[in-house]
Amino acid sequence: MTYKSDIEIAREANKQPIQEIGAKLAIPSEHLLPFGHDKAKVSAEFIEAQANGQDGKLILVTAINPTPAGEGKTTTTVGLGDGLNAIGKKAAICIREASLGPCFGMKGGAAGGGMAQVVPMEDMNLHFTGDFHAITSAHNLLSAMIDNHIYWGNELEIDHRRVTWRRVMDMNDRALRDTVTSLGGVANGIPRQTGFDITVASEVMAILCLATDLADLQKRLGDIIVAYRRDLSPIYCRDIKADGAMTVLLQQAMQPNLVQTLENNPAFVHGGPFANIAHGCNSVVATKTALKLADYVVTEAGFGADLGAEKFLNIKCRKAGLAPSAIVLVATVRAMKMNGGVAKADLGPENVAAVRDGCPNLGRHIENLKSFGVPVVVAINHFVSDTDAEVQAIKDYVVEQGSEAILSKHWEFGSEGSTELAERVAEVADADMANFAPIYPDDMPLFEKMETIAKRIYRADEVLADKKVRDQLHRWEQQGYGHLPICMAKTQYSFSTDPALRGAPDHHSVPVREVRLAAGAGFIVAICGEIMTMPGLPRVPSAEAIGINDAGQIDGLF
């Protein structure tokens, strides 16, 4: 059988006008700000009017640690949303926006795949509605105003050696990780060492995704610590008087984006923090809006469950007062084989033994997720090369872990292939079996929170941090930030900080080389191992294959 490519399927989509998609959630057309015919922002006024409505059931989709074989977390999120609608449920999905960095780097698009996609795909993976550009501009406005304040007399007495606010851009560019600014003479300011992060690692991105409205957004922006004086007292964004202008730049970006799946079901696509260097979830305002408008909301958290799901449950749910009714953990036969030691080039032939050997990675995630008090259903995202014996091996293993696994063929058949998964997930969600709680309390010391994550989620023996890091954590506790949750910046490919260590490693160490206070977002970032907050492009970046063909269509993006 010959299958069409993802981009061919997306181009053939029978899209409905975005007003018709809004109507499925009872959003009046006057409360949609259209960007063309197939995407729109939902007005703040409409969102505010829904505040007292009843919430639907929240379903989290997460996955095993990613492998080059592919897992299909977004594809499963879309397929499950379509499946729920197909069985008569009123469901919406909530996913993140795509960063240009991975699109032109190595990951490709982020709109699902096969018959389980969100459209318009090209728009979503490029400029979309301009949210990332607004975030980049707001972030860099603050950067410019800090240097400008120092240049014009430095009334706040900023120690220019202790400016912590870096610059950002939405592109992978390793050359900008460490830079020196203001060279060239007195007129250009005081030279200092700084650098760039990728936009998805910006605290402004995290703030937009955790803020509840514009007033909360501006307060959080004002709370950003941008620098310190010589006596180590903090300088805030509001001291620079940048918070108002930044809010203006972000006003429209705060409004969730509404698009549709291939089956014309509503999808909110908003925000995009990476899960390996940020908190990895779509915006709180999009999720809460969807919960007021639909009976079931399917959302995803980035990368493996040790990163995205942990942060969704310990940070987003804690801060936003959310509680999932069920968790869907995505796994594939191919990924199990890779975790079992099979090379990507050798994944084709049946290898039940390798599947079994790779299953401990899946089992570790099941155990971790259950520790949050939420029931777990495993979705086996079907590849056409999978054999019945390989699928059964995963099912048998999952039963041994006290859970259940369901084969889903949404990539190939859309909602027709995800009906069984949708029916079971709805049953679990409706049974109200969840007793959700984060795995550490607010009042636990910051370093102990890191140890809790490292030991309970990563199965490490210890967290390694030098005196400088520990002293910094202690100072933040003394300044009133000890109640904040921890956002671990760590490789997505392994439970450990070694990306080559697959499976379910234990008795390892987690080195924390740096900590950053995101006072506005409301968490502490712990940078572990060799993780970079400004990624680099691979040897052969995806951008080399992207262009416009003779028909005026974009090729190579997906």
Protein backbone atom coordinates (compact mmCIF):
# COMPACT_ATOMS: atom_id res chain seq x y z
CA MET A 1 0.00 0.00 0.00
CA THR A 2 1.30 3.46 -0.92
CA TYR A 3 0.89 6.16 1.72
CA LYS A 4 0.78 9.87 1.10
CA SER A 5 3.26 12.09 2.88
CA ASP A 6 2.16 14.28 5.78
CA ILE A 7 2.44 17.41 3.66
CA GLU A 8 0.39 15.86 0.84
CA ILE A 9 -2.34 14.96 3.32
CA ALA A 10 -2.27 18.44 4.87
CA ARG A 11 -2.56 20.13 1.46
CA GLU A 12 -5.64 18.04 0.64
CA ALA A 13 -7.38 18.94 3.90
CA ASN A 14 -11.01 19.97 3.56
CA LYS A 15 -10.81 22.86 5.98
CA GLN A 16 -13.87 24.63 7.30
CA PRO A 17 -13.99 28.41 7.86
CA ILE A 18 -12.65 29.17 11.31
CA GLN A 19 -15.99 30.69 12.33
CA GLU A 20 -17.58 27.23 11.88
CA ILE A 21 -14.91 25.67 14.10
CA GLY A 22 -15.56 28.32 16.74
CA ALA A 23 -19.28 27.61 16.57
CA LYS A 24 -18.63 24.01 17.62
CA LEU A 25 -17.44 25.43 20.94
CA ALA A 26 -20.14 28.11 21.03
CA ILE A 27 -17.64 30.92 20.33
CA PRO A 28 -19.50 33.72 18.49
CA SER A 29 -17.79 34.96 15.33
CA GLU A 30 -17.48 38.47 16.78
CA HIS A 31 -15.17 37.05 19.44
CA LEU A 32 -12.80 35.56 16.87
CA LEU A 33 -9.98 37.69 15.48
CA PRO A 34 -9.34 35.94 12.14
CA PHE A 35 -5.91 35.48 10.62
CA GLY A 36 -7.02 34.50 7.14
CA HIS A 37 -9.82 31.95 6.75
CA ASP A 38 -8.47 29.06 8.82
CA LYS A 39 -7.06 30.44 12.06
CA ALA A 40 -8.15 32.99 14.62
CA LYS A 41 -7.51 34.32 18.09
CA VAL A 42 -10.19 34.12 20.78
CA SER A 43 -11.00 37.46 22.42
CA ALA A 44 -10.06 38.18 26.02
CA GLU A 45 -13.61 39.40 26.65
CA PHE A 46 -15.10 36.05 25.67
CA ILE A 47 -12.58 34.14 27.77
CA GLU A 48 -13.31 36.29 30.82
CA ALA A 49 -17.04 35.66 30.40
CA GLN A 50 -16.49 31.90 30.70
CA ALA A 51 -14.76 32.12 34.08
CA ASN A 52 -17.64 30.70 36.12
CA GLY A 53 -18.47 27.85 33.77
CA GLN A 54 -18.03 24.17 34.61
CA ASP A 55 -14.77 22.48 33.66
CA GLY A 56 -14.51 19.44 31.44
CA LYS A 57 -12.14 16.52 31.97
CA LEU A 58 -8.44 17.19 31.45
CA ILE A 59 -6.45 14.43 29.73
CA LEU A 60 -2.66 14.65 29.51
CA VAL A 61 -0.76 12.98 26.68
CA THR A 62 2.90 12.26 27.32
CA ALA A 63 5.45 9.74 26.06
CA ILE A 64 8.48 7.60 26.69
CA ASN A 65 11.90 9.18 26.15
CA PRO A 66 12.19 10.22 22.50
CA THR A 67 14.24 8.13 20.10
CA PRO A 68 15.18 8.58 16.42
CA ALA A 69 12.51 5.94 15.70
CA GLY A 70 9.75 8.42 16.54
CA GLU A 71 6.98 8.25 19.14
CA GLY A 72 4.21 10.49 17.79
CA LYS A 73 3.02 12.29 20.91
CA THR A 74 1.38 15.16 19.03
CA THR A 75 -0.03 12.75 16.47
CA THR A 76 -1.61 10.75 19.30
CA THR A 77 -2.95 13.91 20.95
CA VAL A 78 -4.69 14.87 17.72
CA GLY A 79 -5.85 11.32 17.02
CA LEU A 80 -7.32 10.96 20.51
CA GLY A 81 -9.12 14.31 20.21
CA ASP A 82 -10.59 13.26 16.88
CA GLY A 83 -11.51 9.87 18.31
CA LEU A 84 -13.36 11.40 21.25
CA ASN A 85 -15.39 13.59 18.90
CA ALA A 86 -16.07 10.58 16.66
CA ILE A 87 -17.68 8.66 19.56
CA GLY A 88 -19.95 11.58 20.32
CA LYS A 89 -17.93 13.44 22.94
CA LYS A 90 -17.41 17.21 22.83
CA ALA A 91 -13.63 17.41 22.83
CA ALA A 92 -10.92 19.94 22.06
CA ILE A 93 -7.16 19.61 21.93
CA CYS A 94 -4.50 21.98 23.30
CA ILE A 95 -0.96 21.86 21.94
CA ARG A 96 2.04 24.17 21.70
CA GLU A 97 3.20 26.33 18.83
CA ALA A 98 6.28 25.30 16.86
CA SER A 99 9.65 27.00 17.24
CA LEU A 100 11.55 27.93 14.11
CA GLY A 101 14.70 26.48 15.69
CA PRO A 102 13.70 22.80 15.39
CA CYS A 103 11.82 23.40 12.12
CA PHE A 104 15.03 24.52 10.42
CA GLY A 105 17.25 22.35 12.62
CA MET A 106 16.52 18.66 12.98
CA LYS A 107 13.07 17.95 14.42
CA GLY A 108 10.81 19.22 11.65
CA GLY A 109 7.21 20.30 12.11
CA ALA A 110 5.03 20.02 15.19
CA ALA A 111 1.49 19.58 13.90
CA GLY A 112 1.00 15.82 14.12
CA GLY A 113 1.23 13.47 11.18
CA GLY A 114 -0.58 11.17 8.79
CA MET A 115 -4.35 11.36 9.22
CA ALA A 116 -3.98 12.95 12.68
CA GLN A 117 -2.80 16.48 11.96
CA VAL A 118 -3.65 20.06 12.83
CA VAL A 119 -3.94 22.47 9.92
CA PRO A 120 -2.86 24.86 8.41
CA MET A 121 0.42 22.99 8.83
CA GLU A 122 2.77 25.38 7.02
CA ASP A 123 1.45 28.41 8.91
CA MET A 124 1.72 26.66 12.27
CA ASN A 125 5.33 25.71 11.67
CA LEU A 126 6.39 29.15 10.45
CA HIS A 127 5.14 32.57 11.56
CA PHE A 128 1.60 31.43 12.52
CA THR A 129 -0.08 34.43 14.21
CA GLY A 130 3.15 36.13 15.25
CA ASP A 131 3.15 35.09 18.92
CA PHE A 132 6.80 34.04 19.00
CA HIS A 133 7.87 37.25 17.28
CA ALA A 134 5.97 39.27 19.89
CA ILE A 135 7.64 37.33 22.70
CA THR A 136 11.07 37.82 21.13
CA SER A 137 10.45 41.55 20.72
CA ALA A 138 9.16 42.00 24.27
CA HIS A 139 12.12 40.12 25.71
CA ASN A 140 14.67 42.09 23.70
CA LEU A 141 12.96 45.42 24.46
CA LEU A 142 13.77 44.74 28.11
CA SER A 143 17.36 43.88 27.17
CA ALA A 144 17.72 47.15 25.29
CA MET A 145 16.19 49.18 28.13
CA ILE A 146 18.58 47.66 30.68
CA ASP A 147 21.65 48.63 28.65
CA ASN A 148 20.10 52.00 27.89
CA HIS A 149 19.55 52.66 31.61
CA ILE A 150 23.18 51.87 32.36
CA TYR A 151 24.32 54.12 29.48
CA TRP A 152 22.31 57.15 30.67
CA GLY A 153 23.76 57.40 34.16
CA ASN A 154 22.66 54.13 35.81
CA GLU A 155 20.38 55.70 38.43
CA LEU A 156 19.49 52.25 39.77
CA GLU A 157 23.18 51.48 40.36
CA ILE A 158 23.09 48.26 38.34
CA ASP A 159 26.32 46.31 38.56
CA HIS A 160 26.90 45.72 34.86
CA ARG A 161 28.82 42.54 35.75
CA ARG A 162 25.64 41.16 37.31
CA VAL A 163 23.09 41.72 34.54
CA THR A 164 21.33 38.35 34.36
CA TRP A 165 18.89 39.15 31.54
CA ARG A 166 20.18 37.74 28.25
CA ARG A 167 18.80 38.25 24.74
CA VAL A 168 16.78 35.75 22.68
CA MET A 169 15.98 34.76 19.13
CA ASP A 170 13.79 31.98 17.75
CA MET A 171 16.54 30.16 15.89
CA ASN A 172 19.30 27.69 16.70
CA ASP A 173 22.56 29.66 16.62
CA ARG A 174 25.44 28.34 18.73
CA ALA A 175 27.60 31.36 17.82
CA LEU A 176 25.37 33.53 20.03
CA ARG A 177 25.55 31.45 23.20
CA ASP A 178 28.25 33.68 24.66
CA THR A 179 28.80 37.19 23.34
CA VAL A 180 30.30 40.53 24.30
CA THR A 181 28.15 43.60 23.67
CA SER A 182 28.81 47.37 23.43
CA LEU A 183 32.22 47.17 21.80
CA GLY A 184 33.37 50.06 19.63
CA GLY A 185 33.74 52.97 22.01
CA VAL A 186 31.95 55.07 24.61
CA ALA A 187 28.97 55.85 22.38
CA ASN A 188 28.02 52.15 22.30
CA GLY A 189 27.79 51.72 26.08
CA ILE A 190 29.76 49.69 28.61
CA PRO A 191 31.14 46.40 27.22
CA ARG A 192 29.95 43.31 29.06
CA GLN A 193 29.71 39.57 28.53
CA THR A 194 26.24 38.21 27.85
CA GLY A 195 24.61 35.84 25.36
CA PHE A 196 21.45 34.63 23.64
CA ASP A 197 18.94 31.92 24.50
CA ILE A 198 16.36 30.51 22.10
CA THR A 199 12.97 32.25 22.44
CA VAL A 200 11.27 29.13 23.81
CA ALA A 201 13.65 29.30 26.81
CA SER A 202 12.74 32.94 27.51
CA GLU A 203 11.14 33.72 30.84
CA VAL A 204 8.72 35.89 28.86
CA MET A 205 7.55 32.72 27.05
CA ALA A 206 7.07 30.95 30.39
CA ILE A 207 5.21 33.96 31.80
CA LEU A 208 2.85 34.17 28.82
CA CYS A 209 2.10 30.46 29.21
CA LEU A 210 1.40 30.71 32.96
CA ALA A 211 -0.38 34.10 33.15
CA THR A 212 -4.16 34.11 33.52
CA ASP A 213 -4.92 37.53 31.98
CA LEU A 214 -3.25 40.80 30.97
CA ALA A 215 -3.11 42.15 34.52
CA ASP A 216 -1.43 38.96 35.73
CA LEU A 217 0.88 39.10 32.70
CA GLN A 218 2.07 42.63 33.52
CA LYS A 219 2.58 41.80 37.21
CA ARG A 220 4.66 38.75 36.31
CA LEU A 221 6.70 40.73 33.79
CA GLY A 222 7.34 43.35 36.44
CA ASP A 223 8.57 40.65 38.84
CA ILE A 224 11.36 39.51 36.50
CA ILE A 225 14.77 39.97 38.11
CA VAL A 226 17.07 41.41 35.45
CA ALA A 227 20.24 42.34 37.39
CA TYR A 228 21.77 42.95 40.81
CA ARG A 229 23.51 45.87 42.49
CA ARG A 230 26.95 45.57 44.06
CA ASP A 231 25.30 44.72 47.38
CA LEU A 232 23.42 41.88 45.58
CA SER A 233 20.02 43.54 45.97
CA PRO A 234 17.84 42.72 42.93
CA ILE A 235 16.75 44.98 40.08
CA TYR A 236 13.31 44.15 38.68
CA CYS A 237 11.80 44.69 35.27
CA ARG A 238 9.36 47.16 36.85
CA ASP A 239 12.35 49.19 38.10
CA ILE A 240 13.44 49.56 34.46
CA LYS A 241 9.81 50.55 33.66
CA ALA A 242 9.61 48.09 30.78
CA ASP A 243 6.66 46.00 31.97
CA GLY A 244 3.96 48.24 30.49
CA ALA A 245 5.47 48.37 26.99
CA MET A 246 6.18 44.65 27.08
CA THR A 247 2.53 43.98 27.94
CA VAL A 248 1.47 46.11 24.97
CA LEU A 249 3.65 44.00 22.67
CA LEU A 250 2.16 40.82 24.14
CA GLN A 251 -1.48 41.90 24.28
CA GLN A 252 -2.56 40.02 21.16
CA ALA A 253 -0.13 37.16 21.77
CA MET A 254 -1.96 36.44 25.06
CA GLN A 255 -5.09 35.46 23.13
CA PRO A 256 -5.22 31.71 22.33
CA ASN A 257 -5.11 30.60 18.70
CA LEU A 258 -7.95 28.46 17.36
CA VAL A 259 -7.36 26.13 14.40
CA GLN A 260 -8.70 22.70 13.38
CA THR A 261 -7.73 19.08 12.87
CA LEU A 262 -8.05 17.30 9.53
CA GLU A 263 -11.45 16.14 10.77
CA ASN A 264 -12.51 19.73 11.50
CA ASN A 265 -12.38 19.43 15.27
CA PRO A 266 -11.27 22.45 17.35
CA ALA A 267 -7.65 22.79 18.40
CA PHE A 268 -6.08 25.50 20.56
CA VAL A 269 -2.43 26.08 19.67
CA HIS A 270 -0.79 28.56 22.02
CA GLY A 271 2.62 29.07 23.58
CA GLY A 272 5.69 26.95 23.12
CA PRO A 273 8.23 26.50 25.93
CA PHE A 274 10.56 23.56 25.34
CA ALA A 275 10.36 20.81 27.95
CA ASN A 276 14.10 20.12 28.08
CA ILE A 277 15.00 23.74 28.97
CA ALA A 278 11.65 25.21 30.10
CA HIS A 279 8.33 23.84 31.41
CA GLY A 280 7.10 22.29 28.17
CA CYS A 281 3.35 22.99 28.22
CA ASN A 282 0.91 25.08 26.21
CA SER A 283 -0.61 28.16 27.85
CA VAL A 284 -2.75 28.07 30.96
CA VAL A 285 -5.23 30.45 29.36
CA ALA A 286 -5.72 28.12 26.37
CA THR A 287 -6.13 25.04 28.57
CA LYS A 288 -8.55 26.75 30.96
CA THR A 289 -10.56 28.22 28.09
CA ALA A 290 -10.85 24.83 26.44
CA LEU A 291 -11.97 23.24 29.72
CA LYS A 292 -14.86 25.74 29.93
CA LEU A 293 -15.94 25.03 26.34
CA ALA A 294 -15.48 21.27 25.93
CA ASP A 295 -16.33 18.19 27.98
CA TYR A 296 -12.89 16.67 27.33
CA VAL A 297 -9.63 18.52 26.73
CA VAL A 298 -6.65 16.59 25.41
CA THR A 299 -3.35 18.35 25.97
CA GLU A 300 0.28 17.30 25.67
CA ALA A 301 3.52 17.97 27.50
CA GLY A 302 6.83 18.02 25.68
CA PHE A 303 9.39 15.23 25.26
CA GLY A 304 9.36 12.25 27.63
CA ALA A 305 7.25 12.01 30.77
CA ASP A 306 10.35 12.57 32.93
CA LEU A 307 10.46 16.13 31.56
CA GLY A 308 7.18 17.41 30.12
CA ALA A 309 4.76 15.45 32.27
CA GLU A 310 6.77 16.04 35.46
CA LYS A 311 6.71 19.79 34.82
CA PHE A 312 3.06 19.78 33.73
CA LEU A 313 2.12 18.10 37.00
CA ASN A 314 4.56 19.82 39.37
CA ILE A 315 4.55 23.32 37.84
CA LYS A 316 1.59 24.01 35.54
CA CYS A 317 -1.07 22.11 37.49
CA ARG A 318 0.27 23.41 40.82
CA LYS A 319 0.28 27.03 39.66
CA ALA A 320 -2.98 26.96 37.68
CA GLY A 321 -5.07 24.77 39.97
CA LEU A 322 -5.50 22.07 37.32
CA ALA A 323 -5.94 18.34 37.94
CA PRO A 324 -5.85 15.76 35.13
CA SER A 325 -8.41 12.97 35.14
CA ALA A 326 -6.26 10.59 33.07
CA ILE A 327 -2.81 10.34 31.51
CA VAL A 328 -2.11 8.73 28.14
CA LEU A 329 1.47 7.50 27.77
CA VAL A 330 2.57 7.06 24.16
CA ALA A 331 4.94 4.27 23.15
CA THR A 332 5.86 2.57 19.89
CA VAL A 333 7.18 -0.85 18.99
CA ARG A 334 10.05 0.81 17.13
CA ALA A 335 11.09 2.87 20.15
CA MET A 336 10.97 -0.18 22.39
CA LYS A 337 13.33 -1.95 19.99
CA MET A 338 15.74 0.99 20.08
CA ASN A 339 15.66 1.01 23.87
CA GLY A 340 16.35 -2.71 23.60
CA GLY A 341 19.56 -2.06 21.68
CA VAL A 342 18.48 -2.29 18.04
CA ALA A 343 19.96 0.27 15.61
CA LYS A 344 17.55 2.47 13.65
CA ALA A 345 18.57 0.83 10.37
CA ASP A 346 17.60 -2.61 11.75
CA LEU A 347 14.13 -1.81 13.09
CA GLY A 348 12.23 -3.44 10.21
CA PRO A 349 12.40 -7.18 11.01
CA GLU A 350 10.33 -8.60 13.84
CA ASN A 351 12.27 -8.71 17.12
CA VAL A 352 10.05 -9.52 20.07
CA ALA A 353 13.01 -10.03 22.39
CA ALA A 354 14.28 -6.49 21.71
CA VAL A 355 10.79 -5.11 22.38
CA ARG A 356 10.78 -6.81 25.76
CA ASP A 357 14.31 -5.61 26.49
CA GLY A 358 13.26 -2.01 25.78
CA CYS A 359 10.08 -2.06 27.85
CA PRO A 360 11.70 -1.05 31.18
CA ASN A 361 11.83 2.54 29.90
CA LEU A 362 8.06 2.39 29.45
CA GLY A 363 7.61 0.74 32.85
CA ARG A 364 9.62 3.46 34.59
CA HIS A 365 7.36 6.15 33.11
CA ILE A 366 4.20 4.25 34.12
CA GLU A 367 5.41 3.98 37.69
CA ASN A 368 6.43 7.65 37.82
CA LEU A 369 3.11 8.90 36.48
CA LYS A 370 1.08 6.74 38.83
CA SER A 371 2.99 8.29 41.74
CA PHE A 372 1.11 11.54 41.02
CA GLY A 373 -2.18 9.75 41.74
CA VAL A 374 -3.51 9.74 38.17
CA PRO A 375 -4.55 6.62 36.21
CA VAL A 376 -2.39 5.80 33.18
CA VAL A 377 -3.42 4.30 29.84
CA VAL A 378 -0.66 3.35 27.40
CA ALA A 379 -1.30 4.17 23.74
CA ILE A 380 0.72 2.06 21.32
CA ASN A 381 1.08 4.39 18.35
CA HIS A 382 0.93 1.93 15.45
CA PHE A 383 3.49 1.81 12.67
CA VAL A 384 2.65 -0.26 9.59
CA SER A 385 5.80 -2.37 10.14
CA ASP A 386 4.68 -3.51 13.63
CA THR A 387 3.83 -7.19 14.01
CA ASP A 388 1.08 -8.65 16.18
CA ALA A 389 3.62 -10.46 18.36
CA GLU A 390 5.57 -7.23 19.01
CA VAL A 391 2.42 -5.33 19.93
CA GLN A 392 1.31 -8.14 22.22
CA ALA A 393 4.68 -8.08 23.97
CA ILE A 394 4.08 -4.45 24.96
CA LYS A 395 0.51 -5.16 26.03
CA ASP A 396 1.63 -8.07 28.21
CA TYR A 397 4.37 -6.00 29.83
CA VAL A 398 2.02 -3.10 30.59
CA VAL A 399 -0.48 -5.44 32.27
CA GLU A 400 2.37 -6.63 34.50
CA GLN A 401 2.86 -2.97 35.50
CA GLY A 402 -0.77 -2.72 36.61
CA SER A 403 -1.93 -0.66 33.65
CA GLU A 404 -3.36 -1.30 30.19
CA ALA A 405 -2.14 -0.72 26.64
CA ILE A 406 -4.33 -0.05 23.61
CA LEU A 407 -3.19 -0.16 19.99
CA SER A 408 -4.17 3.01 18.13
CA LYS A 409 -4.00 3.42 14.34
CA HIS A 410 -4.84 7.13 14.14
CA TRP A 411 -1.86 7.92 11.90
CA GLU A 412 -3.21 5.60 9.23
CA PHE A 413 -6.97 5.89 9.71
CA GLY A 414 -7.64 9.05 11.75
CA SER A 415 -10.47 8.80 14.28
CA GLU A 416 -11.54 5.44 12.83
CA GLY A 417 -8.24 4.05 14.11
CA SER A 418 -8.42 5.66 17.57
CA THR A 419 -11.96 4.75 18.61
CA GLU A 420 -10.94 2.03 21.06
CA LEU A 421 -8.40 4.33 22.72
CA ALA A 422 -10.92 7.18 22.91
CA GLU A 423 -13.61 5.02 24.46
CA ARG A 424 -11.29 3.67 27.14
CA VAL A 425 -9.76 7.05 27.98
CA ALA A 426 -13.23 8.58 28.31
CA GLU A 427 -14.26 5.74 30.64
CA VAL A 428 -11.20 6.27 32.82
CA ALA A 429 -11.69 10.03 32.92
CA ASP A 430 -15.39 9.72 33.73
CA ALA A 431 -14.70 7.25 36.55
CA ASP A 432 -13.06 10.03 38.59
CA MET A 433 -10.33 7.70 39.81
CA ALA A 434 -7.63 10.38 39.91
CA ASN A 435 -6.36 11.67 43.24
CA PHE A 436 -3.77 14.07 41.87
CA ALA A 437 -1.02 15.62 43.99
CA PRO A 438 2.45 16.98 43.11
CA ILE A 439 5.36 14.89 44.38
CA TYR A 440 6.84 17.61 46.62
CA PRO A 441 5.31 20.36 48.80
CA ASP A 442 5.84 24.09 48.34
CA ASP A 443 7.68 24.46 51.63
CA MET A 444 10.37 21.87 50.89
CA PRO A 445 13.87 23.46 50.56
CA LEU A 446 14.87 24.11 46.94
CA PHE A 447 17.78 21.67 46.83
CA GLU A 448 15.61 18.96 48.35
CA LYS A 449 13.05 19.55 45.60
CA MET A 450 15.79 18.92 43.03
CA GLU A 451 16.78 15.76 44.89
CA THR A 452 13.16 14.60 44.99
CA ILE A 453 12.83 14.91 41.22
CA ALA A 454 16.23 13.33 40.59
CA LYS A 455 15.64 10.38 42.91
CA ARG A 456 11.94 9.70 42.36
CA ILE A 457 11.66 10.47 38.63
CA TYR A 458 15.19 9.94 37.26
CA ARG A 459 16.18 7.23 39.82
CA ALA A 460 19.46 8.98 40.50
CA ASP A 461 21.42 8.43 43.70
CA GLU A 462 22.38 12.07 44.13
CA VAL A 463 22.35 15.62 42.81
CA LEU A 464 25.81 17.13 42.37
CA ALA A 465 26.06 20.89 42.86
CA ASP A 466 29.00 22.99 43.97
CA LYS A 467 28.99 25.49 46.84
CA LYS A 468 28.20 28.41 44.51
CA VAL A 469 24.95 26.77 43.38
CA ARG A 470 23.91 25.77 46.90
CA ASP A 471 24.68 29.22 48.26
CA GLN A 472 22.59 30.80 45.50
CA LEU A 473 19.62 28.58 46.34
CA HIS A 474 19.97 29.52 50.00
CA ARG A 475 20.00 33.25 49.16
CA TRP A 476 16.82 32.85 47.13
CA GLU A 477 15.17 31.07 50.03
CA GLN A 478 16.12 33.95 52.31
CA GLN A 479 14.65 36.40 49.77
CA GLY A 480 11.28 34.63 49.81
CA TYR A 481 11.56 32.37 46.75
CA GLY A 482 11.89 29.07 48.59
CA HIS A 483 8.28 28.10 47.83
CA LEU A 484 8.86 27.99 44.06
CA PRO A 485 8.85 24.70 42.11
CA ILE A 486 11.88 23.43 40.18
CA CYS A 487 12.18 23.35 36.39
CA MET A 488 14.92 20.89 35.44
CA ALA A 489 16.77 21.65 32.20
CA LYS A 490 18.03 18.22 31.14
CA THR A 491 18.51 16.06 28.07
CA GLN A 492 15.25 14.58 26.81
CA TYR A 493 16.83 11.37 25.54
CA SER A 494 17.50 9.66 28.85
CA PHE A 495 16.38 9.51 32.47
CA SER A 496 19.98 10.46 33.22
CA THR A 497 21.92 13.50 32.00
CA ASP A 498 23.75 11.28 29.48
CA PRO A 499 21.73 11.32 26.23
CA ALA A 500 23.27 8.01 25.13
CA LEU A 501 22.05 6.12 28.22
CA ARG A 502 18.75 4.58 27.12
CA GLY A 503 16.40 2.22 28.91
CA ALA A 504 15.80 2.70 32.63
CA PRO A 505 19.15 3.59 34.20
CA ASP A 506 19.52 3.99 37.95
CA HIS A 507 22.31 4.70 40.47
CA HIS A 508 23.52 7.66 38.40
CA SER A 509 24.24 11.26 39.42
CA VAL A 510 22.56 14.46 38.24
CA PRO A 511 25.08 17.33 37.99
CA VAL A 512 23.54 20.81 38.30
CA ARG A 513 26.00 23.31 36.84
CA GLU A 514 23.86 26.45 37.10
CA VAL A 515 20.58 27.69 38.58
CA ARG A 516 18.45 30.58 37.32
CA LEU A 517 15.61 32.34 39.14
CA ALA A 518 12.55 32.94 36.97
CA ALA A 519 10.77 35.12 39.54
CA GLY A 520 8.10 36.31 37.12
CA ALA A 521 7.27 32.85 35.80
CA GLY A 522 7.45 31.46 39.32
CA PHE A 523 10.04 28.68 39.19
CA ILE A 524 13.75 27.93 39.58
CA VAL A 525 15.58 26.56 36.54
CA ALA A 526 18.27 23.95 37.28
CA ILE A 527 20.57 23.49 34.29
CA CYS A 528 21.88 19.92 34.33
CA GLY A 529 24.71 18.19 32.52
CA GLU A 530 25.56 19.58 29.09
CA ILE A 531 22.11 20.96 28.22
CA MET A 532 22.14 24.23 26.24
CA THR A 533 19.53 27.00 26.41
CA MET A 534 20.62 28.04 22.91
CA PRO A 535 20.74 24.90 20.73
CA GLY A 536 22.93 24.60 17.66
CA LEU A 537 22.09 23.40 14.18
CA PRO A 538 23.04 19.81 13.22
CA ARG A 539 25.68 19.00 10.60
CA VAL A 540 22.95 18.85 7.95
CA PRO A 541 20.14 21.20 9.08
CA SER A 542 16.60 20.67 7.83
CA ALA A 543 16.77 24.17 6.33
CA GLU A 544 18.93 22.81 3.51
CA ALA A 545 15.95 20.85 2.15
CA ILE A 546 13.32 23.59 2.57
CA GLY A 547 12.23 25.74 -0.35
CA ILE A 548 9.38 26.77 -2.63
CA ASN A 549 8.56 24.53 -5.59
CA ASP A 550 7.38 25.49 -9.08
CA ALA A 551 3.76 25.44 -7.89
CA GLY A 552 4.53 28.03 -5.23
CA GLN A 553 4.21 25.47 -2.42
CA ILE A 554 6.59 25.01 0.51
CA ASP A 555 8.60 21.79 0.28
CA GLY A 556 10.75 20.11 2.91
CA LEU A 557 9.18 21.67 5.99
CA PHE A 558 7.49 18.48 7.14
